[in-house]
Amino acid sequence: MVLAIVCPGQGSQSPGFLSPWLELPGVKEHLERLSDSAQLDLIKHGTESDADTIKDTAVAQPLIVAAGLVAARVLLEDTPAANGTSAVVLAGHSVGEITASALAGALTEDDAIAFVRERANAMADAAARTPTGMSAVLGGNQEEVLAAIGNAGLTAANANGAGQTVAAGTLEQLQSLADNPPAKARVIPLKVAGAFHTRHMAAAADALEELRPRLSPKSPSLPLLSNYDGGRVTSGEANLDSLIAQVSRPVRWDLCMEQFKTMGVSGLIELPPAGTLAGLAKRGLPGVATAPLKTPDDLDAAREMIQTEAAEEGA
């Protein structure tokens, strides 16, 4: 058994989603440290802020990365079998790739927060220049979906697999797609404030290049997949190259899921704010057990999955 631990991207957050996690020992202190690094009150944003506030890119991205780091520590530190488990692969969707990089040891936690803080602010600035956004296209024939996205002048920014493609571009272009959807497909606006993973984010990539000299990337200690092609990251510098380029090029989560199949993944744990990637796995990875960590009540199922993997590995 190979176990995948995956980290969701922007748009997965919801008001108050961190509230139940604050009840666990050590979580408040961990979030306070991350808040200092992020220069944001992550506890307030994860428990009290409304949907519009946490939709703000500058808030959403650090909040999502912090949530994954906090939940991963709770899960892995309190699961003895995790320390002896080597058959684990990490991957993250969009901003979640930063979380995965930290968990894989390719970035320190401090560097991950510094990176996501700069990324979030730079992407928010880029998004403010032109009104842009993203919409999910669900269902339909893939060729027809891509053709409709192209005809509207949009970019297929996320290829998520399982019948889901995300289009990105100006609000006028997105409205054009909504008015002329592909056959048998639905177009659903996403809770993001810009056309991420497109040319509209080029300035954000430049800002991250300026941050590079202040970071200390390392080769991952656990298998880590890239959003670029689903391939395994080979070094810390290569991972940083990919994370910087990722802001203005498409996310290929479909290829990450194909790599899961190749690696023989049979269980998938999604860190909070969980649900989106587990849902894609249910449709795109038949037979793979999923454990989305939406609240601490879901920890037992995830721990059981880790212990099962460790037992099978040692058999």
C-alpha atoms as a PDB file:
ATOM      1  CA  MET A   1       0.000   0.000   0.000  1.00  0.00           C
ATOM      2  CA  VAL A   2       1.207   3.499  -0.857  1.00  0.00           C
ATOM      3  CA  LEU A   3      -0.394   6.359   1.024  1.00  0.00           C
ATOM      4  CA  ALA A   4      -0.873   9.815  -0.513  1.00  0.00           C
ATOM      5  CA  ILE A   5      -1.106  12.870   1.728  1.00  0.00           C
ATOM      6  CA  VAL A   6      -2.513  15.772  -0.272  1.00  0.00           C
ATOM      7  CA  CYS A   7      -2.935  19.468   0.444  1.00  0.00           C
ATOM      8  CA  PRO A   8      -5.799  21.520  -1.039  1.00  0.00           C
ATOM      9  CA  GLY A   9      -5.645  24.850  -2.828  1.00  0.00           C
ATOM     10  CA  GLN A  10      -7.392  28.191  -2.676  1.00  0.00           C
ATOM     11  CA  GLY A  11     -11.167  28.140  -2.731  1.00  0.00           C
ATOM     12  CA  SER A  12     -11.354  25.214  -0.297  1.00  0.00           C
ATOM     13  CA  GLN A  13     -11.566  27.497   2.753  1.00  0.00           C
ATOM     14  CA  SER A  14     -14.830  28.288   4.547  1.00  0.00           C
ATOM     15  CA  PRO A  15     -15.650  30.577   7.499  1.00  0.00           C
ATOM     16  CA  GLY A  16     -14.761  29.099  10.863  1.00  0.00           C
ATOM     17  CA  PHE A  17     -13.141  25.938   9.508  1.00  0.00           C
ATOM     18  CA  LEU A  18     -10.244  26.118  11.979  1.00  0.00           C
ATOM     19  CA  SER A  19     -12.442  26.518  15.073  1.00  0.00           C
ATOM     20  CA  PRO A  20     -12.588  22.836  16.088  1.00  0.00           C
ATOM     21  CA  TRP A  21      -8.834  22.434  15.574  1.00  0.00           C
ATOM     22  CA  LEU A  22      -8.136  25.131  18.183  1.00  0.00           C
ATOM     23  CA  GLU A  23      -9.513  22.780  20.816  1.00  0.00           C
ATOM     24  CA  LEU A  24      -6.543  20.421  20.386  1.00  0.00           C
ATOM     25  CA  PRO A  25      -3.365  20.759  22.501  1.00  0.00           C
ATOM     26  CA  GLY A  26      -0.607  22.764  20.870  1.00  0.00           C
ATOM     27  CA  VAL A  27      -2.634  24.010  17.910  1.00  0.00           C
ATOM     28  CA  LYS A  28      -3.191  27.540  19.223  1.00  0.00           C
ATOM     29  CA  GLU A  29       0.517  27.973  19.954  1.00  0.00           C
ATOM     30  CA  HIS A  30       1.481  26.605  16.546  1.00  0.00           C
ATOM     31  CA  LEU A  31      -0.928  28.954  14.794  1.00  0.00           C
ATOM     32  CA  GLU A  32       0.373  31.894  16.825  1.00  0.00           C
ATOM     33  CA  ARG A  33       3.905  31.173  15.583  1.00  0.00           C
ATOM     34  CA  LEU A  34       2.707  30.871  12.008  1.00  0.00           C
ATOM     35  CA  SER A  35       0.698  34.088  12.407  1.00  0.00           C
ATOM     36  CA  ASP A  36       3.850  35.930  13.431  1.00  0.00           C
ATOM     37  CA  SER A  37       5.666  34.657  10.349  1.00  0.00           C
ATOM     38  CA  ALA A  38       2.735  35.375   8.043  1.00  0.00           C
ATOM     39  CA  GLN A  39       2.110  38.800   9.598  1.00  0.00           C
ATOM     40  CA  LEU A  40      -1.575  37.869   9.767  1.00  0.00           C
ATOM     41  CA  ASP A  41      -3.915  36.862  12.573  1.00  0.00           C
ATOM     42  CA  LEU A  42      -4.524  33.354  11.248  1.00  0.00           C
ATOM     43  CA  ILE A  43      -6.497  32.343  14.323  1.00  0.00           C
ATOM     44  CA  LYS A  44      -8.993  35.154  13.804  1.00  0.00           C
ATOM     45  CA  HIS A  45      -9.252  34.502  10.063  1.00  0.00           C
ATOM     46  CA  GLY A  46      -9.724  30.776  10.602  1.00  0.00           C
ATOM     47  CA  THR A  47     -12.390  31.159  13.257  1.00  0.00           C
ATOM     48  CA  GLU A  48     -14.153  34.538  12.997  1.00  0.00           C
ATOM     49  CA  SER A  49     -13.610  36.149   9.580  1.00  0.00           C
ATOM     50  CA  ASP A  50     -16.433  36.018   7.055  1.00  0.00           C
ATOM     51  CA  ALA A  51     -16.395  34.488   3.584  1.00  0.00           C
ATOM     52  CA  ASP A  52     -15.476  37.733   1.820  1.00  0.00           C
ATOM     53  CA  THR A  53     -12.526  38.328   4.118  1.00  0.00           C
ATOM     54  CA  ILE A  54     -11.018  34.875   3.664  1.00  0.00           C
ATOM     55  CA  LYS A  55     -11.629  35.013  -0.077  1.00  0.00           C
ATOM     56  CA  ASP A  56      -8.972  37.735  -0.226  1.00  0.00           C
ATOM     57  CA  THR A  57      -5.916  36.096  -1.783  1.00  0.00           C
ATOM     58  CA  ALA A  58      -3.560  37.722   0.727  1.00  0.00           C
ATOM     59  CA  VAL A  59      -5.508  36.038   3.538  1.00  0.00           C
ATOM     60  CA  ALA A  60      -6.648  32.781   1.943  1.00  0.00           C
ATOM     61  CA  GLN A  61      -3.285  31.432   0.857  1.00  0.00           C
ATOM     62  CA  PRO A  62      -1.373  31.735   4.165  1.00  0.00           C
ATOM     63  CA  LEU A  63      -4.473  30.495   5.997  1.00  0.00           C
ATOM     64  CA  ILE A  64      -4.702  27.343   3.883  1.00  0.00           C
ATOM     65  CA  VAL A  65      -0.995  26.547   4.176  1.00  0.00           C
ATOM     66  CA  ALA A  66      -1.067  27.106   7.941  1.00  0.00           C
ATOM     67  CA  ALA A  67      -4.109  24.859   8.316  1.00  0.00           C
ATOM     68  CA  GLY A  68      -2.342  22.032   6.538  1.00  0.00           C
ATOM     69  CA  LEU A  69       0.836  22.399   8.591  1.00  0.00           C
ATOM     70  CA  VAL A  70      -1.067  22.444  11.873  1.00  0.00           C
ATOM     71  CA  ALA A  71      -3.238  19.439  11.044  1.00  0.00           C
ATOM     72  CA  ALA A  72      -0.295  17.447   9.691  1.00  0.00           C
ATOM     73  CA  ARG A  73       1.611  17.939  12.952  1.00  0.00           C
ATOM     74  CA  VAL A  74      -1.372  16.758  14.978  1.00  0.00           C
ATOM     75  CA  LEU A  75      -1.921  13.757  12.721  1.00  0.00           C
ATOM     76  CA  LEU A  76       1.667  12.600  12.358  1.00  0.00           C
ATOM     77  CA  GLU A  77       2.980  13.343  15.853  1.00  0.00           C
ATOM     78  CA  ASP A  78       0.082  11.477  17.427  1.00  0.00           C
ATOM     79  CA  THR A  79       0.357   8.472  15.084  1.00  0.00           C
ATOM     80  CA  PRO A  80       3.376   6.365  16.109  1.00  0.00           C
ATOM     81  CA  ALA A  81       3.203   4.224  12.972  1.00  0.00           C
ATOM     82  CA  ALA A  82       3.813   7.314  10.839  1.00  0.00           C
ATOM     83  CA  ASN A  83       7.440   7.472  11.964  1.00  0.00           C
ATOM     84  CA  GLY A  84       8.154   4.079  10.462  1.00  0.00           C
ATOM     85  CA  THR A  85       6.232   4.593   7.250  1.00  0.00           C
ATOM     86  CA  SER A  86       8.212   5.142   4.066  1.00  0.00           C
ATOM     87  CA  ALA A  87       5.545   4.380   1.468  1.00  0.00           C
ATOM     88  CA  VAL A  88       4.114   7.896   1.518  1.00  0.00           C
ATOM     89  CA  VAL A  89       3.848  10.393  -1.331  1.00  0.00           C
ATOM     90  CA  LEU A  90       3.031  14.091  -0.882  1.00  0.00           C
ATOM     91  CA  ALA A  91       1.341  16.440  -3.326  1.00  0.00           C
ATOM     92  CA  GLY A  92      -0.519  19.714  -3.151  1.00  0.00           C
ATOM     93  CA  HIS A  93      -2.908  21.513  -5.454  1.00  0.00           C
ATOM     94  CA  SER A  94      -1.774  25.053  -6.344  1.00  0.00           C
ATOM     95  CA  VAL A  95      -0.956  26.833  -3.059  1.00  0.00           C
ATOM     96  CA  GLY A  96      -1.212  23.427  -1.387  1.00  0.00           C
ATOM     97  CA  GLU A  97       2.031  22.504  -3.119  1.00  0.00           C
ATOM     98  CA  ILE A  98       3.783  24.832  -0.664  1.00  0.00           C
ATOM     99  CA  THR A  99       2.275  22.903   2.250  1.00  0.00           C
ATOM    100  CA  ALA A 100       3.359  19.618   0.686  1.00  0.00           C
ATOM    101  CA  SER A 101       6.866  20.971   0.110  1.00  0.00           C
ATOM    102  CA  ALA A 102       7.216  21.824   3.800  1.00  0.00           C
ATOM    103  CA  LEU A 103       5.921  18.422   4.903  1.00  0.00           C
ATOM    104  CA  ALA A 104       8.337  16.710   2.501  1.00  0.00           C
ATOM    105  CA  GLY A 105      11.281  18.682   3.892  1.00  0.00           C
ATOM    106  CA  ALA A 106      11.919  20.612   0.666  1.00  0.00           C
ATOM    107  CA  LEU A 107      11.203  23.879   2.509  1.00  0.00           C
ATOM    108  CA  THR A 108      11.434  24.706   6.179  1.00  0.00           C
ATOM    109  CA  GLU A 109       8.175  25.748   7.791  1.00  0.00           C
ATOM    110  CA  ASP A 110       9.471  29.312   8.108  1.00  0.00           C
ATOM    111  CA  ASP A 111      10.459  29.394   4.424  1.00  0.00           C
ATOM    112  CA  ALA A 112       7.082  27.976   3.417  1.00  0.00           C
ATOM    113  CA  ILE A 113       5.273  30.753   5.280  1.00  0.00           C
ATOM    114  CA  ALA A 114       7.620  33.411   3.893  1.00  0.00           C
ATOM    115  CA  PHE A 115       7.033  32.057   0.398  1.00  0.00           C
ATOM    116  CA  VAL A 116       3.254  31.895   0.684  1.00  0.00           C
ATOM    117  CA  ARG A 117       3.114  35.377   2.224  1.00  0.00           C
ATOM    118  CA  GLU A 118       5.048  36.834  -0.722  1.00  0.00           C
ATOM    119  CA  ARG A 119       3.093  34.712  -3.214  1.00  0.00           C
ATOM    120  CA  ALA A 120      -0.267  35.762  -1.799  1.00  0.00           C
ATOM    121  CA  ASN A 121       0.525  39.464  -1.715  1.00  0.00           C
ATOM    122  CA  ALA A 122       2.092  39.433  -5.183  1.00  0.00           C
ATOM    123  CA  MET A 123      -0.820  37.491  -6.687  1.00  0.00           C
ATOM    124  CA  ALA A 124      -3.308  39.824  -5.000  1.00  0.00           C
ATOM    125  CA  ASP A 125      -1.464  42.815  -6.475  1.00  0.00           C
ATOM    126  CA  ALA A 126      -1.430  41.196  -9.918  1.00  0.00           C
ATOM    127  CA  ALA A 127      -5.128  40.376  -9.664  1.00  0.00           C
ATOM    128  CA  ALA A 128      -5.942  43.981  -8.736  1.00  0.00           C
ATOM    129  CA  ARG A 129      -4.573  45.260 -12.022  1.00  0.00           C
ATOM    130  CA  THR A 130      -7.351  43.699 -14.107  1.00  0.00           C
ATOM    131  CA  PRO A 131     -10.648  42.207 -12.891  1.00  0.00           C
ATOM    132  CA  THR A 132     -10.089  38.482 -13.389  1.00  0.00           C
ATOM    133  CA  GLY A 133     -11.297  35.216 -11.923  1.00  0.00           C
ATOM    134  CA  MET A 134     -11.744  31.488 -12.375  1.00  0.00           C
ATOM    135  CA  SER A 135     -14.645  29.138 -13.060  1.00  0.00           C
ATOM    136  CA  ALA A 136     -14.850  25.365 -12.818  1.00  0.00           C
ATOM    137  CA  VAL A 137     -16.231  23.535 -15.845  1.00  0.00           C
ATOM    138  CA  LEU A 138     -17.792  20.277 -14.707  1.00  0.00           C
ATOM    139  CA  GLY A 139     -18.654  17.458 -17.087  1.00  0.00           C
ATOM    140  CA  GLY A 140     -18.877  17.605 -20.852  1.00  0.00           C
ATOM    141  CA  ASN A 141     -16.563  16.195 -23.493  1.00  0.00           C
ATOM    142  CA  GLN A 142     -12.979  17.202 -22.667  1.00  0.00           C
ATOM    143  CA  GLU A 143     -12.121  18.301 -26.199  1.00  0.00           C
ATOM    144  CA  GLU A 144     -15.298  20.373 -26.393  1.00  0.00           C
ATOM    145  CA  VAL A 145     -14.595  21.867 -22.952  1.00  0.00           C
ATOM    146  CA  LEU A 146     -11.093  22.935 -23.957  1.00  0.00           C
ATOM    147  CA  ALA A 147     -12.394  24.340 -27.229  1.00  0.00           C
ATOM    148  CA  ALA A 148     -15.053  26.404 -25.432  1.00  0.00           C
ATOM    149  CA  ILE A 149     -12.471  27.715 -22.961  1.00  0.00           C
ATOM    150  CA  GLY A 150     -10.177  28.709 -25.824  1.00  0.00           C
ATOM    151  CA  ASN A 151     -12.996  30.281 -27.829  1.00  0.00           C
ATOM    152  CA  ALA A 152     -13.803  32.523 -24.872  1.00  0.00           C
ATOM    153  CA  GLY A 153     -10.184  33.690 -24.746  1.00  0.00           C
ATOM    154  CA  LEU A 154      -9.616  31.899 -21.443  1.00  0.00           C
ATOM    155  CA  THR A 155      -6.827  29.623 -20.195  1.00  0.00           C
ATOM    156  CA  ALA A 156      -7.385  26.095 -18.896  1.00  0.00           C
ATOM    157  CA  ALA A 157      -5.562  26.963 -15.673  1.00  0.00           C
ATOM    158  CA  ASN A 158      -6.299  23.771 -13.712  1.00  0.00           C
ATOM    159  CA  ALA A 159      -6.695  20.353 -15.303  1.00  0.00           C
ATOM    160  CA  ASN A 160      -8.090  18.535 -12.293  1.00  0.00           C
ATOM    161  CA  GLY A 161      -9.168  15.259 -13.865  1.00  0.00           C
ATOM    162  CA  ALA A 162     -12.410  13.490 -12.974  1.00  0.00           C
ATOM    163  CA  GLY A 163     -14.315  15.686 -15.427  1.00  0.00           C
ATOM    164  CA  GLN A 164     -13.227  19.020 -13.946  1.00  0.00           C
ATOM    165  CA  THR A 165     -11.306  21.778 -15.729  1.00  0.00           C
ATOM    166  CA  VAL A 166     -10.875  25.295 -14.364  1.00  0.00           C
ATOM    167  CA  ALA A 167     -10.932  28.219 -16.779  1.00  0.00           C
ATOM    168  CA  ALA A 168      -9.265  31.527 -15.918  1.00  0.00           C
ATOM    169  CA  GLY A 169      -9.225  34.987 -17.433  1.00  0.00           C
ATOM    170  CA  THR A 170     -11.068  38.288 -17.346  1.00  0.00           C
ATOM    171  CA  LEU A 171     -14.541  38.524 -15.866  1.00  0.00           C
ATOM    172  CA  GLU A 172     -15.935  39.337 -19.305  1.00  0.00           C
ATOM    173  CA  GLN A 173     -14.351  36.209 -20.755  1.00  0.00           C
ATOM    174  CA  LEU A 174     -15.701  34.093 -17.911  1.00  0.00           C
ATOM    175  CA  GLN A 175     -19.178  35.507 -18.466  1.00  0.00           C
ATOM    176  CA  SER A 176     -18.898  34.631 -22.144  1.00  0.00           C
ATOM    177  CA  LEU A 177     -18.119  31.021 -21.193  1.00  0.00           C
ATOM    178  CA  ALA A 178     -21.020  30.940 -18.739  1.00  0.00           C
ATOM    179  CA  ASP A 179     -23.341  32.235 -21.457  1.00  0.00           C
ATOM    180  CA  ASN A 180     -22.094  29.633 -23.927  1.00  0.00           C
ATOM    181  CA  PRO A 181     -21.198  26.538 -21.881  1.00  0.00           C
ATOM    182  CA  PRO A 182     -19.977  23.324 -23.481  1.00  0.00           C
ATOM    183  CA  ALA A 183     -22.640  20.681 -24.076  1.00  0.00           C
ATOM    184  CA  LYS A 184     -23.553  18.705 -20.956  1.00  0.00           C
ATOM    185  CA  ALA A 185     -21.271  20.852 -18.791  1.00  0.00           C
ATOM    186  CA  ARG A 186     -21.812  23.265 -15.902  1.00  0.00           C
ATOM    187  CA  VAL A 187     -19.801  26.453 -15.363  1.00  0.00           C
ATOM    188  CA  ILE A 188     -19.400  27.391 -11.698  1.00  0.00           C
ATOM    189  CA  PRO A 189     -17.570  30.562 -10.510  1.00  0.00           C
ATOM    190  CA  LEU A 190     -14.897  29.890  -7.888  1.00  0.00           C
ATOM    191  CA  LYS A 191     -14.179  31.778  -4.660  1.00  0.00           C
ATOM    192  CA  VAL A 192     -10.899  33.247  -5.877  1.00  0.00           C
ATOM    193  CA  ALA A 193      -9.990  36.825  -6.729  1.00  0.00           C
ATOM    194  CA  GLY A 194      -7.855  36.434  -9.839  1.00  0.00           C
ATOM    195  CA  ALA A 195      -6.872  34.440 -12.923  1.00  0.00           C
ATOM    196  CA  PHE A 196      -4.276  32.318 -11.192  1.00  0.00           C
ATOM    197  CA  HIS A 197      -1.901  30.101 -13.176  1.00  0.00           C
ATOM    198  CA  THR A 198      -2.147  32.297 -16.262  1.00  0.00           C
ATOM    199  CA  ARG A 199      -0.175  35.128 -17.893  1.00  0.00           C
ATOM    200  CA  HIS A 200      -2.075  37.551 -15.641  1.00  0.00           C
ATOM    201  CA  MET A 201       0.183  36.380 -12.765  1.00  0.00           C
ATOM    202  CA  ALA A 202       3.550  36.995 -14.461  1.00  0.00           C
ATOM    203  CA  ALA A 203       4.375  39.864 -12.088  1.00  0.00           C
ATOM    204  CA  ALA A 204       3.885  37.542  -9.112  1.00  0.00           C
ATOM    205  CA  ALA A 205       6.460  35.124 -10.501  1.00  0.00           C
ATOM    206  CA  ASP A 206       8.932  38.004 -10.767  1.00  0.00           C
ATOM    207  CA  ALA A 207       8.331  38.906  -7.103  1.00  0.00           C
ATOM    208  CA  LEU A 208       9.002  35.332  -6.027  1.00  0.00           C
ATOM    209  CA  GLU A 209      12.248  35.284  -7.975  1.00  0.00           C
ATOM    210  CA  GLU A 210      13.360  38.255  -5.878  1.00  0.00           C
ATOM    211  CA  LEU A 211      12.577  36.247  -2.732  1.00  0.00           C
ATOM    212  CA  ARG A 212      14.591  33.202  -3.858  1.00  0.00           C
ATOM    213  CA  PRO A 213      18.010  34.240  -2.411  1.00  0.00           C
ATOM    214  CA  ARG A 214      16.493  34.424   1.081  1.00  0.00           C
ATOM    215  CA  LEU A 215      15.231  30.823   1.009  1.00  0.00           C
ATOM    216  CA  SER A 216      17.093  27.585   1.776  1.00  0.00           C
ATOM    217  CA  PRO A 217      15.529  24.823  -0.329  1.00  0.00           C
ATOM    218  CA  LYS A 218      16.512  21.201   0.291  1.00  0.00           C
ATOM    219  CA  SER A 219      15.962  17.923  -1.492  1.00  0.00           C
ATOM    220  CA  PRO A 220      12.700  16.397  -0.250  1.00  0.00           C
ATOM    221  CA  SER A 221      13.037  13.585   2.260  1.00  0.00           C
ATOM    222  CA  LEU A 222       9.767  12.021   1.071  1.00  0.00           C
ATOM    223  CA  PRO A 223       8.428  11.614  -2.474  1.00  0.00           C
ATOM    224  CA  LEU A 224       6.934  14.930  -3.614  1.00  0.00           C
ATOM    225  CA  LEU A 225       5.024  15.388  -6.864  1.00  0.00           C
ATOM    226  CA  SER A 226       5.052  18.522  -9.008  1.00  0.00           C
ATOM    227  CA  ASN A 227       1.910  20.266 -10.273  1.00  0.00           C
ATOM    228  CA  TYR A 228       3.725  20.846 -13.555  1.00  0.00           C
ATOM    229  CA  ASP A 229       3.744  17.280 -14.872  1.00  0.00           C
ATOM    230  CA  GLY A 230       2.925  14.983 -11.957  1.00  0.00           C
ATOM    231  CA  GLY A 231       6.579  13.945 -11.842  1.00  0.00           C
ATOM    232  CA  ARG A 232       8.619  13.408  -8.711  1.00  0.00           C
ATOM    233  CA  VAL A 233      10.626  16.437  -7.557  1.00  0.00           C
ATOM    234  CA  THR A 234      14.362  15.728  -7.768  1.00  0.00           C
ATOM    235  CA  SER A 235      15.922  18.533  -5.711  1.00  0.00           C
ATOM    236  CA  GLY A 236      15.175  21.526  -3.552  1.00  0.00           C
ATOM    237  CA  GLU A 237      16.158  23.996  -6.262  1.00  0.00           C
ATOM    238  CA  ALA A 238      14.037  22.191  -8.855  1.00  0.00           C
ATOM    239  CA  ASN A 239      11.100  22.322  -6.479  1.00  0.00           C
ATOM    240  CA  LEU A 240      11.589  26.045  -5.937  1.00  0.00           C
ATOM    241  CA  ASP A 241      11.809  26.572  -9.702  1.00  0.00           C
ATOM    242  CA  SER A 242       8.479  24.786 -10.059  1.00  0.00           C
ATOM    243  CA  LEU A 243       6.793  26.648  -7.202  1.00  0.00           C
ATOM    244  CA  ILE A 244       7.775  30.005  -8.701  1.00  0.00           C
ATOM    245  CA  ALA A 245       6.743  29.098 -12.245  1.00  0.00           C
ATOM    246  CA  GLN A 246       3.500  27.562 -10.981  1.00  0.00           C
ATOM    247  CA  VAL A 247       1.832  30.926 -10.327  1.00  0.00           C
ATOM    248  CA  SER A 248       1.641  31.671 -14.063  1.00  0.00           C
ATOM    249  CA  ARG A 249       1.359  28.203 -15.617  1.00  0.00           C
ATOM    250  CA  PRO A 250      -1.429  25.602 -15.418  1.00  0.00           C
ATOM    251  CA  VAL A 251      -1.796  23.142 -12.555  1.00  0.00           C
ATOM    252  CA  ARG A 252      -1.935  19.552 -13.793  1.00  0.00           C
ATOM    253  CA  TRP A 253      -3.595  17.761 -10.915  1.00  0.00           C
ATOM    254  CA  ASP A 254      -4.838  15.183 -13.413  1.00  0.00           C
ATOM    255  CA  LEU A 255      -1.220  14.128 -13.981  1.00  0.00           C
ATOM    256  CA  CYS A 256      -0.599  13.944 -10.239  1.00  0.00           C
ATOM    257  CA  MET A 257      -3.530  11.530  -9.955  1.00  0.00           C
ATOM    258  CA  GLU A 258      -2.153   9.493 -12.855  1.00  0.00           C
ATOM    259  CA  GLN A 259       1.134   9.275 -10.964  1.00  0.00           C
ATOM    260  CA  PHE A 260      -0.753   8.070  -7.897  1.00  0.00           C
ATOM    261  CA  LYS A 261      -2.084   5.217 -10.025  1.00  0.00           C
ATOM    262  CA  THR A 262       1.407   4.389 -11.305  1.00  0.00           C
ATOM    263  CA  MET A 263       2.800   4.359  -7.773  1.00  0.00           C
ATOM    264  CA  GLY A 264       0.041   2.087  -6.523  1.00  0.00           C
ATOM    265  CA  VAL A 265      -1.585   4.540  -4.139  1.00  0.00           C
ATOM    266  CA  SER A 266      -4.438   2.830  -2.332  1.00  0.00           C
ATOM    267  CA  GLY A 267      -5.197   5.404   0.375  1.00  0.00           C
ATOM    268  CA  LEU A 268      -5.401   9.200   0.317  1.00  0.00           C
ATOM    269  CA  ILE A 269      -5.511  11.604   3.254  1.00  0.00           C
ATOM    270  CA  GLU A 270      -6.478  15.215   2.503  1.00  0.00           C
ATOM    271  CA  LEU A 271      -5.373  17.865   4.973  1.00  0.00           C
ATOM    272  CA  PRO A 272      -7.721  20.740   5.849  1.00  0.00           C
ATOM    273  CA  PRO A 273      -9.578  22.574   4.543  1.00  0.00           C
ATOM    274  CA  ALA A 274     -10.399  19.145   3.117  1.00  0.00           C
ATOM    275  CA  GLY A 275     -12.983  17.775   0.726  1.00  0.00           C
ATOM    276  CA  THR A 276     -12.118  18.977  -2.772  1.00  0.00           C
ATOM    277  CA  LEU A 277      -9.193  16.669  -3.538  1.00  0.00           C
ATOM    278  CA  ALA A 278     -10.816  13.688  -1.832  1.00  0.00           C
ATOM    279  CA  GLY A 279     -13.846  14.276  -4.050  1.00  0.00           C
ATOM    280  CA  LEU A 280     -11.668  14.302  -7.169  1.00  0.00           C
ATOM    281  CA  ALA A 281      -9.994  11.098  -5.998  1.00  0.00           C
ATOM    282  CA  LYS A 282     -13.321   9.339  -5.519  1.00  0.00           C
ATOM    283  CA  ARG A 283     -14.171  10.040  -9.156  1.00  0.00           C
ATOM    284  CA  GLY A 284     -10.723   9.795 -10.704  1.00  0.00           C
ATOM    285  CA  LEU A 285      -9.103   7.074  -8.590  1.00  0.00           C
ATOM    286  CA  PRO A 286     -11.672   4.278  -8.229  1.00  0.00           C
ATOM    287  CA  GLY A 287     -10.884   1.895  -5.409  1.00  0.00           C
ATOM    288  CA  VAL A 288      -8.641   4.337  -3.527  1.00  0.00           C
ATOM    289  CA  ALA A 289      -9.786   4.882   0.048  1.00  0.00           C
ATOM    290  CA  THR A 290     -10.057   8.542   1.060  1.00  0.00           C
ATOM    291  CA  ALA A 291      -9.853  10.262   4.444  1.00  0.00           C
ATOM    292  CA  PRO A 292     -10.574  14.000   4.225  1.00  0.00           C
ATOM    293  CA  LEU A 293      -9.614  15.790   7.447  1.00  0.00           C
ATOM    294  CA  LYS A 294     -12.444  18.285   7.724  1.00  0.00           C
ATOM    295  CA  THR A 295     -12.487  18.357  11.525  1.00  0.00           C
ATOM    296  CA  PRO A 296     -10.555  16.623  14.318  1.00  0.00           C
ATOM    297  CA  ASP A 297     -13.343  14.018  14.359  1.00  0.00           C
ATOM    298  CA  ASP A 298     -11.793  12.678  11.132  1.00  0.00           C
ATOM    299  CA  LEU A 299      -8.367  12.048  12.667  1.00  0.00           C
ATOM    300  CA  ASP A 300      -9.122   8.481  13.769  1.00  0.00           C
ATOM    301  CA  ALA A 301      -9.913   7.369  10.212  1.00  0.00           C
ATOM    302  CA  ALA A 302      -6.700   8.946   8.917  1.00  0.00           C
ATOM    303  CA  ARG A 303      -4.624   7.394  11.708  1.00  0.00           C
ATOM    304  CA  GLU A 304      -6.117   3.993  10.987  1.00  0.00           C
ATOM    305  CA  MET A 305      -5.158   4.410   7.327  1.00  0.00           C
ATOM    306  CA  ILE A 306      -1.557   5.213   8.304  1.00  0.00           C
ATOM    307  CA  GLN A 307      -1.359   2.286  10.717  1.00  0.00           C
ATOM    308  CA  THR A 308      -2.750  -0.084   8.093  1.00  0.00           C
ATOM    309  CA  GLU A 309      -0.148   1.094   5.573  1.00  0.00           C
ATOM    310  CA  ALA A 310       2.660   0.669   8.111  1.00  0.00           C
ATOM    311  CA  ALA A 311       1.487  -2.835   8.997  1.00  0.00           C
ATOM    312  CA  GLU A 312       1.300  -3.901   5.353  1.00  0.00           C
ATOM    313  CA  GLU A 313       4.705  -2.384   4.639  1.00  0.00           C
ATOM    314  CA  GLY A 314       6.255  -4.366   7.481  1.00  0.00           C
ATOM    315  CA  ALA A 315       4.528  -7.612   6.573  1.00  0.00           C
END
